[in-house]
């Protein structure tokens, strides 16, 4: 518990020190793994693992409030009387102190988020906790995808590393060297059965992404509208899957993979070559073999 409190970046103990920036969190992940190993090796259940995952996911899913601040209206400042100069300077000092405090809070939240993402990556990569982390796959994927849209580079970098570890953990059927080999793929329904909360999340994120891509008249606006940073990662996950042998639409599990088809096809009109390539591969698990002739 003390180690997780230290990870959160909050001041703790009599020294009131905060956690600092460390490259990939340095030795902090290995310290946490050593604690979790003690529970795993003694076969005392997974209580500490669940506590660690819940705490880390709570920190990883917490976004900072560092929205761009509105600039001051200089025209209003120009008409101020010279007699109010002293009062204006005093207010500026107080405002600067408040901005520094808010910036420090945002920095602490981002720092805790970076450490949480790094620790999650190490836990998910460890084979000893392969079964224990399965119930947290959906939340971990959401944390990784949401971190890709963060303003801070450190958060995006840690989120990218976590996403790579999750893809390896969730799709760990490595039987061929070819990255796109069918032997390494997992059925789309099998994947969503492992992470059921991820289906509505992916659908919502793709709708948001394509909303900024497609204009009102249905034509792709490309770079003029801007592309969300997480779009490639969303398509990459779908491209790693293959069609399931079961019925593609109207199944009892409520997962309608055909809902992804118009969204993925809209991404195929983007000017970025890599995005179009991964969008084409992402269509493979969405269309059943019997429907290829009509597609």
Protein backbone atom coordinates (compact mmCIF):
# COMPACT_ATOMS: atom_id res chain seq x y z
CA UNK A 1 0.00 0.00 0.00
CA UNK A 2 2.85 2.41 0.80
CA UNK A 3 4.52 1.63 -2.52
CA UNK A 4 1.30 2.33 -4.43
CA UNK A 5 0.84 5.56 -2.47
CA UNK A 6 4.34 6.57 -3.50
CA UNK A 7 3.47 5.82 -7.12
CA UNK A 8 0.51 8.19 -6.98
CA UNK A 9 2.91 11.10 -6.61
CA UNK A 10 1.23 12.43 -3.49
CA UNK A 11 3.44 13.64 -0.64
CA UNK A 12 3.65 11.00 2.06
CA UNK A 13 5.52 10.63 5.32
CA UNK A 14 7.28 13.25 7.41
CA UNK A 15 9.64 14.30 4.62
CA UNK A 16 6.72 15.18 2.29
CA UNK A 17 8.72 14.32 -0.82
CA UNK A 18 7.05 13.76 -4.17
CA UNK A 19 7.92 11.11 -6.72
CA UNK A 20 10.14 12.52 -9.46
CA UNK A 21 10.44 11.79 -13.17
CA UNK A 22 12.41 8.63 -13.86
CA UNK A 23 13.17 7.02 -17.20
CA UNK A 24 10.54 4.28 -17.57
CA UNK A 25 10.06 4.58 -13.78
CA UNK A 26 13.56 3.12 -13.23
CA UNK A 27 13.49 0.44 -10.50
CA UNK A 28 9.96 1.16 -9.28
CA UNK A 29 8.31 -1.58 -11.41
CA UNK A 30 10.78 -4.19 -10.18
CA UNK A 31 10.13 -3.21 -6.57
CA UNK A 32 6.40 -3.72 -7.12
CA UNK A 33 6.97 -7.02 -8.93
CA UNK A 34 9.07 -8.26 -6.00
CA UNK A 35 6.15 -7.61 -3.66
CA UNK A 36 3.69 -9.34 -6.00
CA UNK A 37 6.05 -12.30 -6.45
CA UNK A 38 5.93 -12.95 -2.70
CA UNK A 39 2.19 -13.51 -2.93
CA UNK A 40 2.42 -15.52 -6.16
CA UNK A 41 5.25 -17.82 -5.07
CA UNK A 42 3.62 -18.61 -1.73
CA UNK A 43 0.29 -19.32 -3.50
CA UNK A 44 -1.65 -16.98 -1.22
CA UNK A 45 -4.15 -15.89 -3.83
CA UNK A 46 -4.25 -12.71 -5.90
CA UNK A 47 -5.45 -10.13 -3.38
CA UNK A 48 -2.36 -7.93 -3.70
CA UNK A 49 -2.39 -8.25 -7.48
CA UNK A 50 -6.01 -7.12 -7.66
CA UNK A 51 -5.30 -4.24 -5.30
CA UNK A 52 -2.31 -3.15 -7.38
CA UNK A 53 -4.17 -3.38 -10.68
CA UNK A 54 -7.17 -1.44 -9.38
CA UNK A 55 -4.98 1.31 -7.93
CA UNK A 56 -2.78 1.58 -11.02
CA UNK A 57 -5.73 1.59 -13.42
CA UNK A 58 -7.39 4.33 -11.38
CA UNK A 59 -4.27 6.47 -11.78
CA UNK A 60 -3.77 5.56 -15.44
CA UNK A 61 -7.34 6.48 -16.36
CA UNK A 62 -7.17 9.82 -14.56
CA UNK A 63 -6.56 12.57 -17.13
CA UNK A 64 -4.92 15.81 -16.15
CA UNK A 65 -6.78 19.10 -16.30
CA UNK A 66 -4.15 20.90 -18.36
CA UNK A 67 -6.53 22.37 -20.90
CA UNK A 68 -5.10 25.31 -22.86
CA UNK A 69 -5.66 28.51 -20.93
CA UNK A 70 -7.32 31.45 -22.60
CA UNK A 71 -5.07 34.36 -23.34
CA UNK A 72 -5.75 37.73 -21.74
CA UNK A 73 -7.55 40.33 -23.80
CA UNK A 74 -4.84 42.94 -24.43
CA UNK A 75 -7.32 45.51 -25.68
CA UNK A 76 -8.95 45.65 -22.26
CA UNK A 77 -5.56 46.07 -20.57
CA UNK A 78 -4.74 48.96 -22.91
CA UNK A 79 -7.59 51.14 -21.59
CA UNK A 80 -6.76 50.66 -17.91
CA UNK A 81 -5.80 53.79 -16.04
CA UNK A 82 -2.25 54.28 -14.96
CA UNK A 83 -3.43 54.69 -11.38
CA UNK A 84 -4.39 51.00 -11.26
CA UNK A 85 -0.89 49.83 -12.19
CA UNK A 86 0.09 48.92 -8.65
CA UNK A 87 -3.10 46.96 -8.05
CA UNK A 88 -2.71 45.19 -11.38
CA UNK A 89 0.83 44.14 -10.51
CA UNK A 90 -0.32 42.77 -7.17
CA UNK A 91 -3.11 40.79 -8.83
CA UNK A 92 -0.64 39.48 -11.40
CA UNK A 93 1.61 38.12 -8.65
CA UNK A 94 -1.30 36.39 -6.97
CA UNK A 95 -2.50 34.99 -10.28
CA UNK A 96 0.95 33.73 -11.11
CA UNK A 97 1.13 31.93 -7.79
CA UNK A 98 -2.25 30.34 -8.47
CA UNK A 99 -1.16 29.27 -11.95
CA UNK A 100 2.02 27.75 -10.54
CA UNK A 101 0.00 25.77 -8.00
CA UNK A 102 -2.38 24.53 -10.71
CA UNK A 103 0.55 23.63 -12.95
CA UNK A 104 2.17 21.71 -10.09
CA UNK A 105 -1.05 19.76 -9.54
CA UNK A 106 -1.23 18.89 -13.26
CA UNK A 107 2.42 17.84 -13.20
CA UNK A 108 1.77 15.57 -10.23
CA UNK A 109 -1.23 13.98 -11.96
CA UNK A 110 0.73 13.41 -15.17
CA UNK A 111 3.67 12.00 -13.22
CA UNK A 112 1.46 9.54 -11.38
CA UNK A 113 -0.14 8.56 -14.68
CA UNK A 114 3.24 7.88 -16.29
CA UNK A 115 4.37 5.69 -13.39
CA UNK A 116 1.06 3.83 -13.38
CA UNK A 117 1.30 3.09 -17.11
CA UNK A 118 4.88 1.85 -16.74
CA UNK A 119 4.00 -0.40 -13.80
CA UNK A 120 0.99 -1.80 -15.64
CA UNK A 121 3.21 -2.65 -18.60
CA UNK A 122 5.62 -4.64 -16.44
CA UNK A 123 2.82 -6.53 -14.72
CA UNK A 124 1.12 -7.41 -18.02
CA UNK A 125 4.41 -8.57 -19.54
CA UNK A 126 5.19 -10.94 -16.68
CA UNK A 127 4.10 -14.51 -17.39
CA UNK A 128 3.54 -15.17 -13.69
CA UNK A 129 0.49 -12.88 -13.74
CA UNK A 130 -0.89 -13.91 -17.12
CA UNK A 131 -4.16 -15.27 -15.75
CA UNK A 132 -4.46 -12.71 -12.98
CA UNK A 133 -4.51 -9.71 -15.32
CA UNK A 134 -7.16 -11.11 -17.70
CA UNK A 135 -10.10 -9.49 -15.83
CA UNK A 136 -8.35 -6.12 -16.18
CA UNK A 137 -7.63 -6.29 -19.92
CA UNK A 138 -10.51 -4.02 -20.91
CA UNK A 139 -9.56 -1.27 -18.47
CA UNK A 140 -5.87 -1.58 -19.36
CA UNK A 141 -6.59 -1.20 -23.08
CA UNK A 142 -8.75 1.85 -22.37
CA UNK A 143 -5.98 3.41 -20.31
CA UNK A 144 -3.49 2.80 -23.11
CA UNK A 145 -5.73 4.25 -25.83
CA UNK A 146 -6.72 7.31 -23.81
CA UNK A 147 -3.10 8.06 -22.96
CA UNK A 148 -2.30 8.41 -26.67
CA UNK A 149 -4.34 11.61 -26.81
CA UNK A 150 -2.60 13.22 -23.82
CA UNK A 151 -0.79 16.53 -24.25
CA UNK A 152 2.38 15.34 -22.50
CA UNK A 153 4.88 13.29 -24.47
CA UNK A 154 5.81 11.19 -21.43
CA UNK A 155 2.20 10.01 -21.05
CA UNK A 156 1.91 9.17 -24.75
CA UNK A 157 5.21 7.30 -24.70
CA UNK A 158 4.26 5.19 -21.67
CA UNK A 159 0.85 4.51 -23.20
CA UNK A 160 2.43 3.28 -26.44
CA UNK A 161 4.65 0.86 -24.52
CA UNK A 162 1.67 -0.39 -22.52
CA UNK A 163 -0.35 -0.93 -25.69
CA UNK A 164 2.44 -3.04 -27.19
CA UNK A 165 2.56 -5.17 -24.04
CA UNK A 166 -1.22 -5.62 -24.03
CA UNK A 167 -1.28 -6.69 -27.67
CA UNK A 168 1.35 -9.29 -26.85
CA UNK A 169 -0.59 -10.48 -23.79
CA UNK A 170 -4.06 -10.57 -25.37
CA UNK A 171 -2.92 -11.95 -28.76
CA UNK A 172 -0.09 -14.18 -27.61
CA UNK A 173 -0.52 -16.90 -30.23
CA UNK A 174 2.93 -16.37 -31.70
CA UNK A 175 3.36 -19.35 -33.99
CA UNK A 176 4.93 -17.72 -37.06
CA UNK A 177 7.50 -15.00 -37.67
CA UNK A 178 5.22 -13.12 -40.03
CA UNK A 179 3.44 -10.43 -38.04
CA UNK A 180 0.31 -10.70 -40.17
CA UNK A 181 0.23 -14.51 -40.35
CA UNK A 182 -3.14 -16.13 -39.69
CA UNK A 183 -1.44 -18.52 -37.27
CA UNK A 184 -0.72 -15.61 -34.91
CA UNK A 185 -4.22 -14.14 -35.06
CA UNK A 186 -7.16 -14.41 -32.68
CA UNK A 187 -10.85 -14.53 -33.57
CA UNK A 188 -12.61 -11.21 -33.11
CA UNK A 189 -15.39 -12.72 -31.01
CA UNK A 190 -12.88 -14.61 -28.89
CA UNK A 191 -11.07 -11.35 -28.24
CA UNK A 192 -14.20 -9.44 -27.23
CA UNK A 193 -15.25 -12.32 -25.01
CA UNK A 194 -12.01 -11.75 -23.06
CA UNK A 195 -12.55 -7.99 -22.97
CA UNK A 196 -16.30 -7.37 -23.35
CA UNK A 197 -16.17 -3.73 -22.17
CA UNK A 198 -13.77 -2.94 -24.98
CA UNK A 199 -16.36 -3.39 -27.75
CA UNK A 200 -18.47 -0.27 -26.97
CA UNK A 201 -15.33 1.70 -26.17
CA UNK A 202 -13.70 0.94 -29.54
CA UNK A 203 -16.94 1.71 -31.35
CA UNK A 204 -17.27 5.04 -29.58
CA UNK A 205 -13.65 6.05 -30.17
CA UNK A 206 -13.83 5.17 -33.86
CA UNK A 207 -17.01 7.20 -34.23
CA UNK A 208 -15.28 10.19 -32.67
CA UNK A 209 -12.29 9.75 -34.94
CA UNK A 210 -14.28 9.41 -38.13
CA UNK A 211 -16.48 12.35 -37.18
CA UNK A 212 -13.45 14.61 -37.62
CA UNK A 213 -12.45 12.86 -40.86
CA UNK A 214 -15.68 12.79 -42.84
CA UNK A 215 -17.34 16.07 -43.77
CA UNK A 216 -21.06 16.71 -44.03
CA UNK A 217 -21.23 15.79 -47.71
CA UNK A 218 -19.56 12.43 -47.05
CA UNK A 219 -16.19 13.29 -48.56
CA UNK A 220 -13.04 12.72 -46.57
CA UNK A 221 -11.55 16.00 -45.44
CA UNK A 222 -8.17 14.45 -44.60
CA UNK A 223 -5.60 16.58 -42.90
CA UNK A 224 -7.84 19.65 -42.96
CA UNK A 225 -10.02 18.17 -40.23
CA UNK A 226 -7.15 16.55 -38.36
CA UNK A 227 -6.69 12.94 -37.31
CA UNK A 228 -6.89 11.78 -33.70
CA UNK A 229 -3.58 10.40 -32.42
CA UNK A 230 -5.18 7.17 -31.24
CA UNK A 231 -6.78 6.30 -34.59
CA UNK A 232 -3.84 4.23 -35.86
CA UNK A 233 -3.71 2.27 -32.59
CA UNK A 234 -7.43 1.51 -32.73
CA UNK A 235 -7.13 0.21 -36.28
CA UNK A 236 -3.98 -1.71 -35.39
CA UNK A 237 -5.83 -3.70 -32.73
CA UNK A 238 -8.57 -4.68 -35.18
CA UNK A 239 -5.99 -5.62 -37.81
CA UNK A 240 -4.50 -8.21 -35.43
CA UNK A 241 -7.77 -10.17 -35.35
CA UNK A 242 -9.37 -12.62 -37.79
CA UNK A 243 -13.01 -13.49 -38.54
CA UNK A 244 -14.60 -15.84 -36.03
CA UNK A 245 -16.17 -19.05 -37.29
CA UNK A 246 -19.48 -18.09 -35.66
CA UNK A 247 -22.10 -15.85 -37.19
CA UNK A 248 -20.77 -12.36 -37.74
CA UNK A 249 -23.93 -10.39 -37.03
CA UNK A 250 -26.86 -10.81 -34.68
CA UNK A 251 -25.14 -13.19 -32.31
CA UNK A 252 -26.42 -13.85 -28.82
CA UNK A 253 -23.50 -12.00 -27.23
CA UNK A 254 -24.74 -8.68 -28.65
CA UNK A 255 -21.49 -7.94 -30.51
CA UNK A 256 -22.24 -6.69 -34.02
CA UNK A 257 -18.89 -6.42 -35.73
CA UNK A 258 -20.51 -5.06 -38.89
CA UNK A 259 -20.98 -1.77 -37.03
CA UNK A 260 -17.24 -1.20 -37.42
CA UNK A 261 -17.28 -1.58 -41.21
CA UNK A 262 -18.42 1.94 -42.30
CA UNK A 263 -16.11 3.52 -39.72
CA UNK A 264 -13.06 1.57 -40.87
CA UNK A 265 -13.86 2.19 -44.53
CA UNK A 266 -13.98 5.93 -43.85
CA UNK A 267 -10.42 5.68 -42.50
CA UNK A 268 -9.36 4.18 -45.82
CA UNK A 269 -9.82 7.58 -47.47
CA UNK A 270 -7.20 9.33 -45.34
CA UNK A 271 -4.08 10.73 -47.01
CA UNK A 272 -1.68 8.90 -44.64
CA UNK A 273 -0.49 5.70 -46.34
CA UNK A 274 0.12 3.75 -43.13
CA UNK A 275 -3.36 4.53 -41.85
CA UNK A 276 -4.92 3.35 -45.11
CA UNK A 277 -2.87 0.13 -44.98
CA UNK A 278 -3.85 -0.72 -41.42
CA UNK A 279 -7.48 0.23 -42.16
CA UNK A 280 -7.51 -2.27 -45.03
CA UNK A 281 -6.18 -5.00 -42.71
CA UNK A 282 -8.71 -4.01 -40.05
CA UNK A 283 -11.55 -4.88 -42.46
CA UNK A 284 -10.48 -8.54 -42.57
CA UNK A 285 -11.99 -9.65 -39.23
CA UNK A 286 -15.14 -7.59 -39.80
CA UNK A 287 -16.36 -9.32 -42.95
CA UNK A 288 -17.34 -12.98 -42.89
CA UNK A 289 -15.98 -15.29 -45.56
CA UNK A 290 -19.47 -15.93 -46.91
CA UNK A 291 -20.01 -12.19 -47.32
CA UNK A 292 -16.86 -11.42 -49.30
CA UNK A 293 -18.62 -11.74 -52.66
CA UNK A 294 -21.23 -9.13 -51.69
CA UNK A 295 -18.82 -6.76 -49.96
